[in-house]
Amino acid sequence: MFSPDHVGAVFFDVDGTLVPGTSSSVFLAGFLGHWEELAKVEDAYASGAVDNRQVSELDAAGWAGVSEDQVSGWLDGLPLVSGITATVAWCWQDGLVPVLATLAWFASWQLPD
């Protein structure tokens, strides 16, 4: 991943930056069947009414029996801002390693081509 010709790294936040208008967890909750409930509890989290553990426990319950391949396929449809491919190419060309920063995905170091 790194070589002598790389001078640094650039970290890109996924939710709220690369994914406009939603979060990857709310997007996936649509496939998992608990979208409305998760959207409400994430709003409650944003206002300070519930803590991260409560959000995580609710979300985790919806993941039972779901394979990584299923999730990967669903993420192929995640709405993204335009220009990611060009930005990633620019980073590599200019000696920068582009890295996704997220707590929502297991393989957060993988970037789209």
PDB file of N, CA and C in Angstrom:
ATOM      1  N   MET A   1       0.827  -1.187   0.000  1.00  0.00           N
ATOM      2  CA  MET A   1       0.000   0.000   0.000  1.00  0.00           C
ATOM      3  C   MET A   1       0.871   1.251   0.000  1.00  0.00           C
ATOM      4  N   PHE A   2       1.915   1.294   0.815  1.00  0.00           N
ATOM      5  CA  PHE A   2       2.801   2.448   0.840  1.00  0.00           C
ATOM      6  C   PHE A   2       4.102   2.095   0.139  1.00  0.00           C
ATOM      7  N   SER A   3       4.717   3.070  -0.489  1.00  0.00           N
ATOM      8  CA  SER A   3       6.014   2.889  -1.114  1.00  0.00           C
ATOM      9  C   SER A   3       6.799   4.179  -0.921  1.00  0.00           C
ATOM     10  N   PRO A   4       8.094   4.167  -1.239  1.00  0.00           N
ATOM     11  CA  PRO A   4       8.908   5.366  -1.038  1.00  0.00           C
ATOM     12  C   PRO A   4       8.414   6.594  -1.802  1.00  0.00           C
ATOM     13  N   ASP A   5       7.667   6.395  -2.883  1.00  0.00           N
ATOM     14  CA  ASP A   5       7.196   7.554  -3.635  1.00  0.00           C
ATOM     15  C   ASP A   5       5.862   8.108  -3.115  1.00  0.00           C
ATOM     16  N   HIS A   6       5.347   7.551  -2.023  1.00  0.00           N
ATOM     17  CA  HIS A   6       4.151   8.115  -1.392  1.00  0.00           C
ATOM     18  C   HIS A   6       4.591   9.063  -0.287  1.00  0.00           C
ATOM     19  N   VAL A   7       4.077  10.277  -0.326  1.00  0.00           N
ATOM     20  CA  VAL A   7       4.497  11.290   0.639  1.00  0.00           C
ATOM     21  C   VAL A   7       3.513  11.464   1.788  1.00  0.00           C
ATOM     22  N   GLY A   8       2.347  10.861   1.695  1.00  0.00           N
ATOM     23  CA  GLY A   8       1.368  11.008   2.761  1.00  0.00           C
ATOM     24  C   GLY A   8       0.085  10.279   2.455  1.00  0.00           C
ATOM     25  N   ALA A   9      -0.890  10.507   3.315  1.00  0.00           N
ATOM     26  CA  ALA A   9      -2.199   9.881   3.155  1.00  0.00           C
ATOM     27  C   ALA A   9      -3.280  10.947   3.276  1.00  0.00           C
ATOM     28  N   VAL A  10      -4.394  10.704   2.620  1.00  0.00           N
ATOM     29  CA  VAL A  10      -5.555  11.568   2.716  1.00  0.00           C
ATOM     30  C   VAL A  10      -6.714  10.689   3.187  1.00  0.00           C
ATOM     31  N   PHE A  11      -7.367  11.097   4.262  1.00  0.00           N
ATOM     32  CA  PHE A  11      -8.486  10.338   4.807  1.00  0.00           C
ATOM     33  C   PHE A  11      -9.793  11.001   4.409  1.00  0.00           C
ATOM     34  N   PHE A  12     -10.708  10.197   3.892  1.00  0.00           N
ATOM     35  CA  PHE A  12     -12.023  10.667   3.481  1.00  0.00           C
ATOM     36  C   PHE A  12     -13.079  10.016   4.364  1.00  0.00           C
ATOM     37  N   ASP A  13     -13.891  10.833   5.000  1.00  0.00           N
ATOM     38  CA  ASP A  13     -15.003  10.352   5.807  1.00  0.00           C
ATOM     39  C   ASP A  13     -16.106   9.859   4.874  1.00  0.00           C
ATOM     40  N   VAL A  14     -16.652   8.698   5.171  1.00  0.00           N
ATOM     41  CA  VAL A  14     -17.685   8.130   4.308  1.00  0.00           C
ATOM     42  C   VAL A  14     -19.029   8.807   4.562  1.00  0.00           C
ATOM     43  N   ASP A  15     -19.583   8.624   5.745  1.00  0.00           N
ATOM     44  CA  ASP A  15     -20.919   9.129   6.050  1.00  0.00           C
ATOM     45  C   ASP A  15     -20.897  10.639   6.239  1.00  0.00           C
ATOM     46  N   GLY A  16     -21.716  11.310   5.451  1.00  0.00           N
ATOM     47  CA  GLY A  16     -21.802  12.755   5.534  1.00  0.00           C
ATOM     48  C   GLY A  16     -20.857  13.490   4.601  1.00  0.00           C
ATOM     49  N   THR A  17     -19.896  12.787   4.023  1.00  0.00           N
ATOM     50  CA  THR A  17     -18.962  13.419   3.088  1.00  0.00           C
ATOM     51  C   THR A  17     -19.070  12.753   1.720  1.00  0.00           C
ATOM     52  N   LEU A  18     -18.729  11.489   1.643  1.00  0.00           N
ATOM     53  CA  LEU A  18     -18.819  10.768   0.371  1.00  0.00           C
ATOM     54  C   LEU A  18     -20.227  10.243   0.104  1.00  0.00           C
ATOM     55  N   VAL A  19     -21.002  10.038   1.175  1.00  0.00           N
ATOM     56  CA  VAL A  19     -22.385   9.570   1.062  1.00  0.00           C
ATOM     57  C   VAL A  19     -23.292  10.737   1.449  1.00  0.00           C
ATOM     58  N   PRO A  20     -23.906  11.388   0.457  1.00  0.00           N
ATOM     59  CA  PRO A  20     -24.710  12.572   0.755  1.00  0.00           C
ATOM     60  C   PRO A  20     -26.126  12.234   1.226  1.00  0.00           C
ATOM     61  N   GLY A  21     -26.599  12.978   2.198  1.00  0.00           N
ATOM     62  CA  GLY A  21     -28.003  12.908   2.576  1.00  0.00           C
ATOM     63  C   GLY A  21     -28.440  11.721   3.395  1.00  0.00           C
ATOM     64  N   THR A  22     -27.563  10.799   3.661  1.00  0.00           N
ATOM     65  CA  THR A  22     -27.908   9.632   4.472  1.00  0.00           C
ATOM     66  C   THR A  22     -26.621   9.096   5.076  1.00  0.00           C
ATOM     67  N   SER A  23     -26.724   8.009   5.779  1.00  0.00           N
ATOM     68  CA  SER A  23     -25.534   7.307   6.267  1.00  0.00           C
ATOM     69  C   SER A  23     -25.548   5.908   5.671  1.00  0.00           C
ATOM     70  N   SER A  24     -24.393   5.284   5.622  1.00  0.00           N
ATOM     71  CA  SER A  24     -24.340   3.925   5.083  1.00  0.00           C
ATOM     72  C   SER A  24     -25.168   2.982   5.949  1.00  0.00           C
ATOM     73  N   SER A  25     -25.226   3.216   7.251  1.00  0.00           N
ATOM     74  CA  SER A  25     -25.997   2.321   8.117  1.00  0.00           C
ATOM     75  C   SER A  25     -27.501   2.463   7.858  1.00  0.00           C
ATOM     76  N   VAL A  26     -27.986   3.692   7.654  1.00  0.00           N
ATOM     77  CA  VAL A  26     -29.406   3.875   7.343  1.00  0.00           C
ATOM     78  C   VAL A  26     -29.717   3.294   5.959  1.00  0.00           C
ATOM     79  N   PHE A  27     -28.820   3.492   5.003  1.00  0.00           N
ATOM     80  CA  PHE A  27     -28.988   2.914   3.667  1.00  0.00           C
ATOM     81  C   PHE A  27     -29.123   1.393   3.762  1.00  0.00           C
ATOM     82  N   LEU A  28     -28.220   0.762   4.502  1.00  0.00           N
ATOM     83  CA  LEU A  28     -28.257  -0.699   4.637  1.00  0.00           C
ATOM     84  C   LEU A  28     -29.470  -1.164   5.431  1.00  0.00           C
ATOM     85  N   ALA A  29     -29.928  -0.357   6.373  1.00  0.00           N
ATOM     86  CA  ALA A  29     -31.103  -0.730   7.166  1.00  0.00           C
ATOM     87  C   ALA A  29     -32.327  -0.916   6.277  1.00  0.00           C
ATOM     88  N   GLY A  30     -32.350  -0.229   5.134  1.00  0.00           N
ATOM     89  CA  GLY A  30     -33.445  -0.430   4.182  1.00  0.00           C
ATOM     90  C   GLY A  30     -33.497  -1.861   3.673  1.00  0.00           C
ATOM     91  N   PHE A  31     -32.338  -2.465   3.485  1.00  0.00           N
ATOM     92  CA  PHE A  31     -32.260  -3.863   3.045  1.00  0.00           C
ATOM     93  C   PHE A  31     -32.503  -4.823   4.207  1.00  0.00           C
ATOM     94  N   LEU A  32     -32.103  -4.399   5.396  1.00  0.00           N
ATOM     95  CA  LEU A  32     -32.198  -5.254   6.576  1.00  0.00           C
ATOM     96  C   LEU A  32     -33.577  -5.229   7.226  1.00  0.00           C
ATOM     97  N   GLY A  33     -34.423  -4.268   6.803  1.00  0.00           N
ATOM     98  CA  GLY A  33     -35.795  -4.239   7.289  1.00  0.00           C
ATOM     99  C   GLY A  33     -36.049  -3.390   8.524  1.00  0.00           C
ATOM    100  N   HIS A  34     -35.105  -2.555   8.940  1.00  0.00           N
ATOM    101  CA  HIS A  34     -35.351  -1.708  10.115  1.00  0.00           C
ATOM    102  C   HIS A  34     -34.977  -0.243   9.842  1.00  0.00           C
ATOM    103  N   TRP A  35     -35.244   0.192   8.607  1.00  0.00           N
ATOM    104  CA  TRP A  35     -34.881   1.547   8.203  1.00  0.00           C
ATOM    105  C   TRP A  35     -35.554   2.622   9.059  1.00  0.00           C
ATOM    106  N   GLU A  36     -36.885   2.563   9.191  1.00  0.00           N
ATOM    107  CA  GLU A  36     -37.605   3.605   9.937  1.00  0.00           C
ATOM    108  C   GLU A  36     -37.121   3.697  11.373  1.00  0.00           C
ATOM    109  N   GLU A  37     -36.997   2.557  12.007  1.00  0.00           N
ATOM    110  CA  GLU A  37     -36.569   2.529  13.406  1.00  0.00           C
ATOM    111  C   GLU A  37     -35.152   3.080  13.561  1.00  0.00           C
ATOM    112  N   LEU A  38     -34.248   2.702  12.674  1.00  0.00           N
ATOM    113  CA  LEU A  38     -32.865   3.183  12.765  1.00  0.00           C
ATOM    114  C   LEU A  38     -32.781   4.673  12.464  1.00  0.00           C
ATOM    115  N   ALA A  39     -33.512   5.154  11.484  1.00  0.00           N
ATOM    116  CA  ALA A  39     -33.492   6.585  11.171  1.00  0.00           C
ATOM    117  C   ALA A  39     -33.955   7.399  12.381  1.00  0.00           C
ATOM    118  N   LYS A  40     -34.986   6.932  13.064  1.00  0.00           N
ATOM    119  CA  LYS A  40     -35.487   7.632  14.253  1.00  0.00           C
ATOM    120  C   LYS A  40     -34.452   7.632  15.374  1.00  0.00           C
ATOM    121  N   VAL A  41     -33.835   6.487  15.619  1.00  0.00           N
ATOM    122  CA  VAL A  41     -32.871   6.416  16.722  1.00  0.00           C
ATOM    123  C   VAL A  41     -31.589   7.181  16.382  1.00  0.00           C
ATOM    124  N   GLU A  42     -31.208   7.253  15.102  1.00  0.00           N
ATOM    125  CA  GLU A  42     -30.047   8.070  14.737  1.00  0.00           C
ATOM    126  C   GLU A  42     -30.357   9.555  14.923  1.00  0.00           C
ATOM    127  N   ASP A  43     -31.575   9.975  14.632  1.00  0.00           N
ATOM    128  CA  ASP A  43     -31.975  11.360  14.915  1.00  0.00           C
ATOM    129  C   ASP A  43     -31.940  11.624  16.420  1.00  0.00           C
ATOM    130  N   ALA A  44     -32.404  10.657  17.200  1.00  0.00           N
ATOM    131  CA  ALA A  44     -32.377  10.805  18.656  1.00  0.00           C
ATOM    132  C   ALA A  44     -30.933  10.880  19.156  1.00  0.00           C
ATOM    133  N   TYR A  45     -30.049  10.127  18.534  1.00  0.00           N
ATOM    134  CA  TYR A  45     -28.627  10.182  18.888  1.00  0.00           C
ATOM    135  C   TYR A  45     -28.053  11.570  18.578  1.00  0.00           C
ATOM    136  N   ALA A  46     -28.390  12.095  17.418  1.00  0.00           N
ATOM    137  CA  ALA A  46     -27.890  13.413  17.011  1.00  0.00           C
ATOM    138  C   ALA A  46     -28.337  14.498  17.985  1.00  0.00           C
ATOM    139  N   SER A  47     -29.509  14.328  18.592  1.00  0.00           N
ATOM    140  CA  SER A  47     -30.012  15.326  19.541  1.00  0.00           C
ATOM    141  C   SER A  47     -29.548  15.051  20.973  1.00  0.00           C
ATOM    142  N   GLY A  48     -28.854  13.919  21.181  1.00  0.00           N
ATOM    143  CA  GLY A  48     -28.359  13.590  22.517  1.00  0.00           C
ATOM    144  C   GLY A  48     -29.336  12.812  23.376  1.00  0.00           C
ATOM    145  N   ALA A  49     -30.469  12.400  22.802  1.00  0.00           N
ATOM    146  CA  ALA A  49     -31.497  11.696  23.575  1.00  0.00           C
ATOM    147  C   ALA A  49     -31.133  10.235  23.858  1.00  0.00           C
ATOM    148  N   VAL A  50     -30.317   9.630  23.004  1.00  0.00           N
ATOM    149  CA  VAL A  50     -29.845   8.256  23.215  1.00  0.00           C
ATOM    150  C   VAL A  50     -28.342   8.232  22.981  1.00  0.00           C
ATOM    151  N   ASP A  51     -27.687   7.183  23.464  1.00  0.00           N
ATOM    152  CA  ASP A  51     -26.239   7.089  23.280  1.00  0.00           C
ATOM    153  C   ASP A  51     -25.894   6.129  22.136  1.00  0.00           C
ATOM    154  N   ASN A  52     -24.625   6.101  21.782  1.00  0.00           N
ATOM    155  CA  ASN A  52     -24.158   5.284  20.665  1.00  0.00           C
ATOM    156  C   ASN A  52     -24.446   3.804  20.889  1.00  0.00           C
ATOM    157  N   ARG A  53     -24.335   3.341  22.123  1.00  0.00           N
ATOM    158  CA  ARG A  53     -24.603   1.926  22.405  1.00  0.00           C
ATOM    159  C   ARG A  53     -26.040   1.564  22.026  1.00  0.00           C
ATOM    160  N   GLN A  54     -26.997   2.426  22.349  1.00  0.00           N
ATOM    161  CA  GLN A  54     -28.395   2.145  22.019  1.00  0.00           C
ATOM    162  C   GLN A  54     -28.603   2.073  20.506  1.00  0.00           C
ATOM    163  N   VAL A  55     -27.972   2.968  19.776  1.00  0.00           N
ATOM    164  CA  VAL A  55     -28.065   2.939  18.315  1.00  0.00           C
ATOM    165  C   VAL A  55     -27.447   1.650  17.787  1.00  0.00           C
ATOM    166  N   SER A  56     -26.261   1.324  18.279  1.00  0.00           N
ATOM    167  CA  SER A  56     -25.529   0.142  17.811  1.00  0.00           C
ATOM    168  C   SER A  56     -26.279  -1.143  18.115  1.00  0.00           C
ATOM    169  N   GLU A  57     -26.876  -1.243  19.290  1.00  0.00           N
ATOM    170  CA  GLU A  57     -27.614  -2.457  19.645  1.00  0.00           C
ATOM    171  C   GLU A  57     -28.828  -2.641  18.743  1.00  0.00           C
ATOM    172  N   LEU A  58     -29.534  -1.566  18.472  1.00  0.00           N
ATOM    173  CA  LEU A  58     -30.687  -1.647  17.572  1.00  0.00           C
ATOM    174  C   LEU A  58     -30.240  -2.082  16.182  1.00  0.00           C
ATOM    175  N   ASP A  59     -29.195  -1.446  15.673  1.00  0.00           N
ATOM    176  CA  ASP A  59     -28.707  -1.762  14.332  1.00  0.00           C
ATOM    177  C   ASP A  59     -28.181  -3.190  14.265  1.00  0.00           C
ATOM    178  N   ALA A  60     -27.413  -3.601  15.250  1.00  0.00           N
ATOM    179  CA  ALA A  60     -26.812  -4.942  15.250  1.00  0.00           C
ATOM    180  C   ALA A  60     -27.864  -6.046  15.206  1.00  0.00           C
ATOM    181  N   ALA A  61     -28.983  -5.837  15.860  1.00  0.00           N
ATOM    182  CA  ALA A  61     -30.041  -6.851  15.874  1.00  0.00           C
ATOM    183  C   ALA A  61     -30.546  -7.160  14.467  1.00  0.00           C
ATOM    184  N   GLY A  62     -30.494  -6.186  13.575  1.00  0.00           N
ATOM    185  CA  GLY A  62     -30.968  -6.401  12.211  1.00  0.00           C
ATOM    186  C   GLY A  62     -30.003  -7.160  11.317  1.00  0.00           C
ATOM    187  N   TRP A  63     -28.779  -7.357  11.787  1.00  0.00           N
ATOM    188  CA  TRP A  63     -27.749  -7.987  10.956  1.00  0.00           C
ATOM    189  C   TRP A  63     -27.682  -9.510  11.100  1.00  0.00           C
ATOM    190  N   ALA A  64     -28.430 -10.083  11.996  1.00  0.00           N
ATOM    191  CA  ALA A  64     -28.368 -11.526  12.239  1.00  0.00           C
ATOM    192  C   ALA A  64     -28.600 -12.310  10.957  1.00  0.00           C
ATOM    193  N   GLY A  65     -27.683 -13.201  10.643  1.00  0.00           N
ATOM    194  CA  GLY A  65     -27.819 -14.087   9.491  1.00  0.00           C
ATOM    195  C   GLY A  65     -27.489 -13.476   8.140  1.00  0.00           C
ATOM    196  N   VAL A  66     -26.980 -12.256   8.117  1.00  0.00           N
ATOM    197  CA  VAL A  66     -26.668 -11.584   6.855  1.00  0.00           C
ATOM    198  C   VAL A  66     -25.189 -11.804   6.532  1.00  0.00           C
ATOM    199  N   SER A  67     -24.908 -12.207   5.300  1.00  0.00           N
ATOM    200  CA  SER A  67     -23.525 -12.490   4.914  1.00  0.00           C
ATOM    201  C   SER A  67     -22.801 -11.222   4.462  1.00  0.00           C
ATOM    202  N   GLU A  68     -21.498 -11.261   4.543  1.00  0.00           N
ATOM    203  CA  GLU A  68     -20.679 -10.143   4.070  1.00  0.00           C
ATOM    204  C   GLU A  68     -20.883  -9.921   2.574  1.00  0.00           C
ATOM    205  N   ASP A  69     -21.068 -11.002   1.821  1.00  0.00           N
ATOM    206  CA  ASP A  69     -21.315 -10.874   0.377  1.00  0.00           C
ATOM    207  C   ASP A  69     -22.613 -10.125   0.094  1.00  0.00           C
ATOM    208  N   GLN A  70     -23.665 -10.393   0.892  1.00  0.00           N
ATOM    209  CA  GLN A  70     -24.922  -9.673   0.713  1.00  0.00           C
ATOM    210  C   GLN A  70     -24.714  -8.179   0.934  1.00  0.00           C
ATOM    211  N   VAL A  71     -24.034  -7.840   2.023  1.00  0.00           N
ATOM    212  CA  VAL A  71     -23.808  -6.434   2.360  1.00  0.00           C
ATOM    213  C   VAL A  71     -22.966  -5.759   1.284  1.00  0.00           C
ATOM    214  N   SER A  72     -21.948  -6.439   0.831  1.00  0.00           N
ATOM    215  CA  SER A  72     -21.090  -5.894  -0.219  1.00  0.00           C
ATOM    216  C   SER A  72     -21.907  -5.576  -1.475  1.00  0.00           C
ATOM    217  N   GLY A  73     -22.804  -6.471  -1.830  1.00  0.00           N
ATOM    218  CA  GLY A  73     -23.670  -6.250  -2.989  1.00  0.00           C
ATOM    219  C   GLY A  73     -24.578  -5.052  -2.790  1.00  0.00           C
ATOM    220  N   TRP A  74     -25.132  -4.915  -1.592  1.00  0.00           N
ATOM    221  CA  TRP A  74     -26.000  -3.774  -1.309  1.00  0.00           C
ATOM    222  C   TRP A  74     -25.211  -2.471  -1.370  1.00  0.00           C
ATOM    223  N   LEU A  75     -23.981  -2.491  -0.863  1.00  0.00           N
ATOM    224  CA  LEU A  75     -23.163  -1.277  -0.854  1.00  0.00           C
ATOM    225  C   LEU A  75     -22.814  -0.814  -2.269  1.00  0.00           C
ATOM    226  N   ASP A  76     -22.895  -1.709  -3.245  1.00  0.00           N
ATOM    227  CA  ASP A  76     -22.672  -1.303  -4.638  1.00  0.00           C
ATOM    228  C   ASP A  76     -23.667  -0.226  -5.067  1.00  0.00           C
ATOM    229  N   GLY A  77     -24.829  -0.174  -4.421  1.00  0.00           N
ATOM    230  CA  GLY A  77     -25.850   0.808  -4.757  1.00  0.00           C
ATOM    231  C   GLY A  77     -25.852   2.039  -3.857  1.00  0.00           C
ATOM    232  N   LEU A  78     -24.889   2.135  -2.954  1.00  0.00           N
ATOM    233  CA  LEU A  78     -24.817   3.267  -2.029  1.00  0.00           C
ATOM    234  C   LEU A  78     -24.654   4.573  -2.809  1.00  0.00           C
ATOM    235  N   PRO A  79     -25.503   5.564  -2.549  1.00  0.00           N
ATOM    236  CA  PRO A  79     -25.359   6.837  -3.267  1.00  0.00           C
ATOM    237  C   PRO A  79     -24.077   7.545  -2.841  1.00  0.00           C
ATOM    238  N   LEU A  80     -23.286   7.967  -3.817  1.00  0.00           N
ATOM    239  CA  LEU A  80     -22.007   8.626  -3.546  1.00  0.00           C
ATOM    240  C   LEU A  80     -21.925   9.955  -4.285  1.00  0.00           C
ATOM    241  N   VAL A  81     -21.123  10.863  -3.756  1.00  0.00           N
ATOM    242  CA  VAL A  81     -20.890  12.121  -4.458  1.00  0.00           C
ATOM    243  C   VAL A  81     -20.111  11.825  -5.734  1.00  0.00           C
ATOM    244  N   SER A  82     -20.205  12.717  -6.687  1.00  0.00           N
ATOM    245  CA  SER A  82     -19.462  12.533  -7.933  1.00  0.00           C
ATOM    246  C   SER A  82     -17.998  12.947  -7.734  1.00  0.00           C
ATOM    247  N   GLY A  83     -17.139  12.423  -8.581  1.00  0.00           N
ATOM    248  CA  GLY A  83     -15.735  12.824  -8.574  1.00  0.00           C
ATOM    249  C   GLY A  83     -14.807  11.962  -7.747  1.00  0.00           C
ATOM    250  N   ILE A  84     -15.321  10.891  -7.148  1.00  0.00           N
ATOM    251  CA  ILE A  84     -14.473  10.055  -6.296  1.00  0.00           C
ATOM    252  C   ILE A  84     -13.358   9.398  -7.102  1.00  0.00           C
ATOM    253  N   THR A  85     -13.683   8.839  -8.253  1.00  0.00           N
ATOM    254  CA  THR A  85     -12.673   8.167  -9.076  1.00  0.00           C
ATOM    255  C   THR A  85     -11.557   9.129  -9.472  1.00  0.00           C
ATOM    256  N   ALA A  86     -11.921  10.318  -9.913  1.00  0.00           N
ATOM    257  CA  ALA A  86     -10.917  11.314 -10.309  1.00  0.00           C
ATOM    258  C   ALA A  86     -10.067  11.750  -9.114  1.00  0.00           C
ATOM    259  N   THR A  87     -10.689  11.892  -7.959  1.00  0.00           N
ATOM    260  CA  THR A  87      -9.956  12.307  -6.758  1.00  0.00           C
ATOM    261  C   THR A  87      -8.981  11.226  -6.309  1.00  0.00           C
ATOM    262  N   VAL A  88      -9.416   9.978  -6.345  1.00  0.00           N
ATOM    263  CA  VAL A  88      -8.532   8.865  -5.979  1.00  0.00           C
ATOM    264  C   VAL A  88      -7.346   8.805  -6.942  1.00  0.00           C
ATOM    265  N   ALA A  89      -7.612   8.961  -8.234  1.00  0.00           N
ATOM    266  CA  ALA A  89      -6.525   8.952  -9.223  1.00  0.00           C
ATOM    267  C   ALA A  89      -5.553  10.099  -8.960  1.00  0.00           C
ATOM    268  N   TRP A  90      -6.070  11.280  -8.647  1.00  0.00           N
ATOM    269  CA  TRP A  90      -5.224  12.427  -8.352  1.00  0.00           C
ATOM    270  C   TRP A  90      -4.344  12.147  -7.134  1.00  0.00           C
ATOM    271  N   CYS A  91      -4.929  11.560  -6.106  1.00  0.00           N
ATOM    272  CA  CYS A  91      -4.153  11.228  -4.898  1.00  0.00           C
ATOM    273  C   CYS A  91      -2.974  10.328  -5.243  1.00  0.00           C
ATOM    274  N   TRP A  92      -3.240   9.233  -5.933  1.00  0.00           N
ATOM    275  CA  TRP A  92      -2.172   8.293  -6.289  1.00  0.00           C
ATOM    276  C   TRP A  92      -1.121   8.978  -7.160  1.00  0.00           C
ATOM    277  N   GLN A  93      -1.571   9.757  -8.119  1.00  0.00           N
ATOM    278  CA  GLN A  93      -0.660  10.448  -9.035  1.00  0.00           C
ATOM    279  C   GLN A  93       0.258  11.410  -8.282  1.00  0.00           C
ATOM    280  N   ASP A  94      -0.250  12.015  -7.213  1.00  0.00           N
ATOM    281  CA  ASP A  94       0.520  13.003  -6.468  1.00  0.00           C
ATOM    282  C   ASP A  94       1.156  12.444  -5.192  1.00  0.00           C
ATOM    283  N   GLY A  95       1.288  11.121  -5.126  1.00  0.00           N
ATOM    284  CA  GLY A  95       2.007  10.499  -4.024  1.00  0.00           C
ATOM    285  C   GLY A  95       1.238  10.382  -2.730  1.00  0.00           C
ATOM    286  N   LEU A  96      -0.068  10.508  -2.793  1.00  0.00           N
ATOM    287  CA  LEU A  96      -0.902  10.406  -1.603  1.00  0.00           C
ATOM    288  C   LEU A  96      -1.702   9.114  -1.629  1.00  0.00           C
ATOM    289  N   VAL A  97      -1.808   8.463  -0.484  1.00  0.00           N
ATOM    290  CA  VAL A  97      -2.585   7.235  -0.374  1.00  0.00           C
ATOM    291  C   VAL A  97      -3.983   7.608   0.127  1.00  0.00           C
ATOM    292  N   PRO A  98      -5.024   7.395  -0.691  1.00  0.00           N
ATOM    293  CA  PRO A  98      -6.382   7.701  -0.241  1.00  0.00           C
ATOM    294  C   PRO A  98      -6.919   6.587   0.659  1.00  0.00           C
ATOM    295  N   VAL A  99      -7.529   6.975   1.772  1.00  0.00           N
ATOM    296  CA  VAL A  99      -8.028   6.007   2.749  1.00  0.00           C
ATOM    297  C   VAL A  99      -9.443   6.407   3.160  1.00  0.00           C
ATOM    298  N   LEU A 100     -10.360   5.435   3.170  1.00  0.00           N
ATOM    299  CA  LEU A 100     -11.699   5.692   3.684  1.00  0.00           C
ATOM    300  C   LEU A 100     -11.671   5.639   5.202  1.00  0.00           C
ATOM    301  N   ALA A 101     -12.330   6.582   5.833  1.00  0.00           N
ATOM    302  CA  ALA A 101     -12.431   6.603   7.286  1.00  0.00           C
ATOM    303  C   ALA A 101     -13.889   6.401   7.670  1.00  0.00           C
ATOM    304  N   THR A 102     -14.175   5.263   8.271  1.00  0.00           N
ATOM    305  CA  THR A 102     -15.538   4.967   8.697  1.00  0.00           C
ATOM    306  C   THR A 102     -15.502   3.929   9.798  1.00  0.00           C
ATOM    307  N   LEU A 103     -16.484   3.984  10.652  1.00  0.00           N
ATOM    308  CA  LEU A 103     -16.649   2.957  11.680  1.00  0.00           C
ATOM    309  C   LEU A 103     -17.722   1.965  11.277  1.00  0.00           C
ATOM    310  N   ALA A 104     -18.338   2.200  10.125  1.00  0.00           N
ATOM    311  CA  ALA A 104     -19.500   1.419   9.729  1.00  0.00           C
ATOM    312  C   ALA A 104     -19.164   0.148   8.967  1.00  0.00           C
ATOM    313  N   TRP A 105     -17.995   0.044   8.372  1.00  0.00           N
ATOM    314  CA  TRP A 105     -17.677  -1.101   7.520  1.00  0.00           C
ATOM    315  C   TRP A 105     -16.455  -1.813   8.044  1.00  0.00           C
ATOM    316  N   PHE A 106     -16.437  -3.124   7.869  1.00  0.00           N
ATOM    317  CA  PHE A 106     -15.292  -3.941   8.285  1.00  0.00           C
ATOM    318  C   PHE A 106     -14.074  -3.650   7.422  1.00  0.00           C
ATOM    319  N   ALA A 107     -14.224  -3.651   6.117  1.00  0.00           N
ATOM    320  CA  ALA A 107     -13.091  -3.459   5.198  1.00  0.00           C
ATOM    321  C   ALA A 107     -13.005  -1.994   4.781  1.00  0.00           C
ATOM    322  N   SER A 108     -12.799  -1.109   5.752  1.00  0.00           N
ATOM    323  CA  SER A 108     -12.851   0.325   5.465  1.00  0.00           C
ATOM    324  C   SER A 108     -11.666   0.834   4.664  1.00  0.00           C
ATOM    325  N   TRP A 109     -10.626   0.032   4.493  1.00  0.00           N
ATOM    326  CA  TRP A 109      -9.462   0.486   3.745  1.00  0.00           C
ATOM    327  C   TRP A 109      -9.618   0.315   2.237  1.00  0.00           C
ATOM    328  N   GLN A 110     -10.660  -0.360   1.795  1.00  0.00           N
ATOM    329  CA  GLN A 110     -10.839  -0.594   0.365  1.00  0.00           C
ATOM    330  C   GLN A 110     -11.538   0.588  -0.277  1.00  0.00           C
ATOM    331  N   LEU A 111     -11.001   1.054  -1.374  1.00  0.00           N
ATOM    332  CA  LEU A 111     -11.568   2.179  -2.114  1.00  0.00           C
ATOM    333  C   LEU A 111     -12.175   1.695  -3.413  1.00  0.00           C
ATOM    334  N   PRO A 112     -13.235   2.376  -3.878  1.00  0.00           N
ATOM    335  CA  PRO A 112     -13.787   1.994  -5.179  1.00  0.00           C
ATOM    336  C   PRO A 112     -12.810   2.335  -6.300  1.00  0.00           C
ATOM    337  N   ASP A 113     -12.835   1.528  -7.347  1.00  0.00           N
ATOM    338  CA  ASP A 113     -11.966   1.802  -8.501  1.00  0.00           C
ATOM    339  C   ASP A 113     -12.484   2.950  -9.312  1.00  0.00           C
TER     340      ASP A 113
END
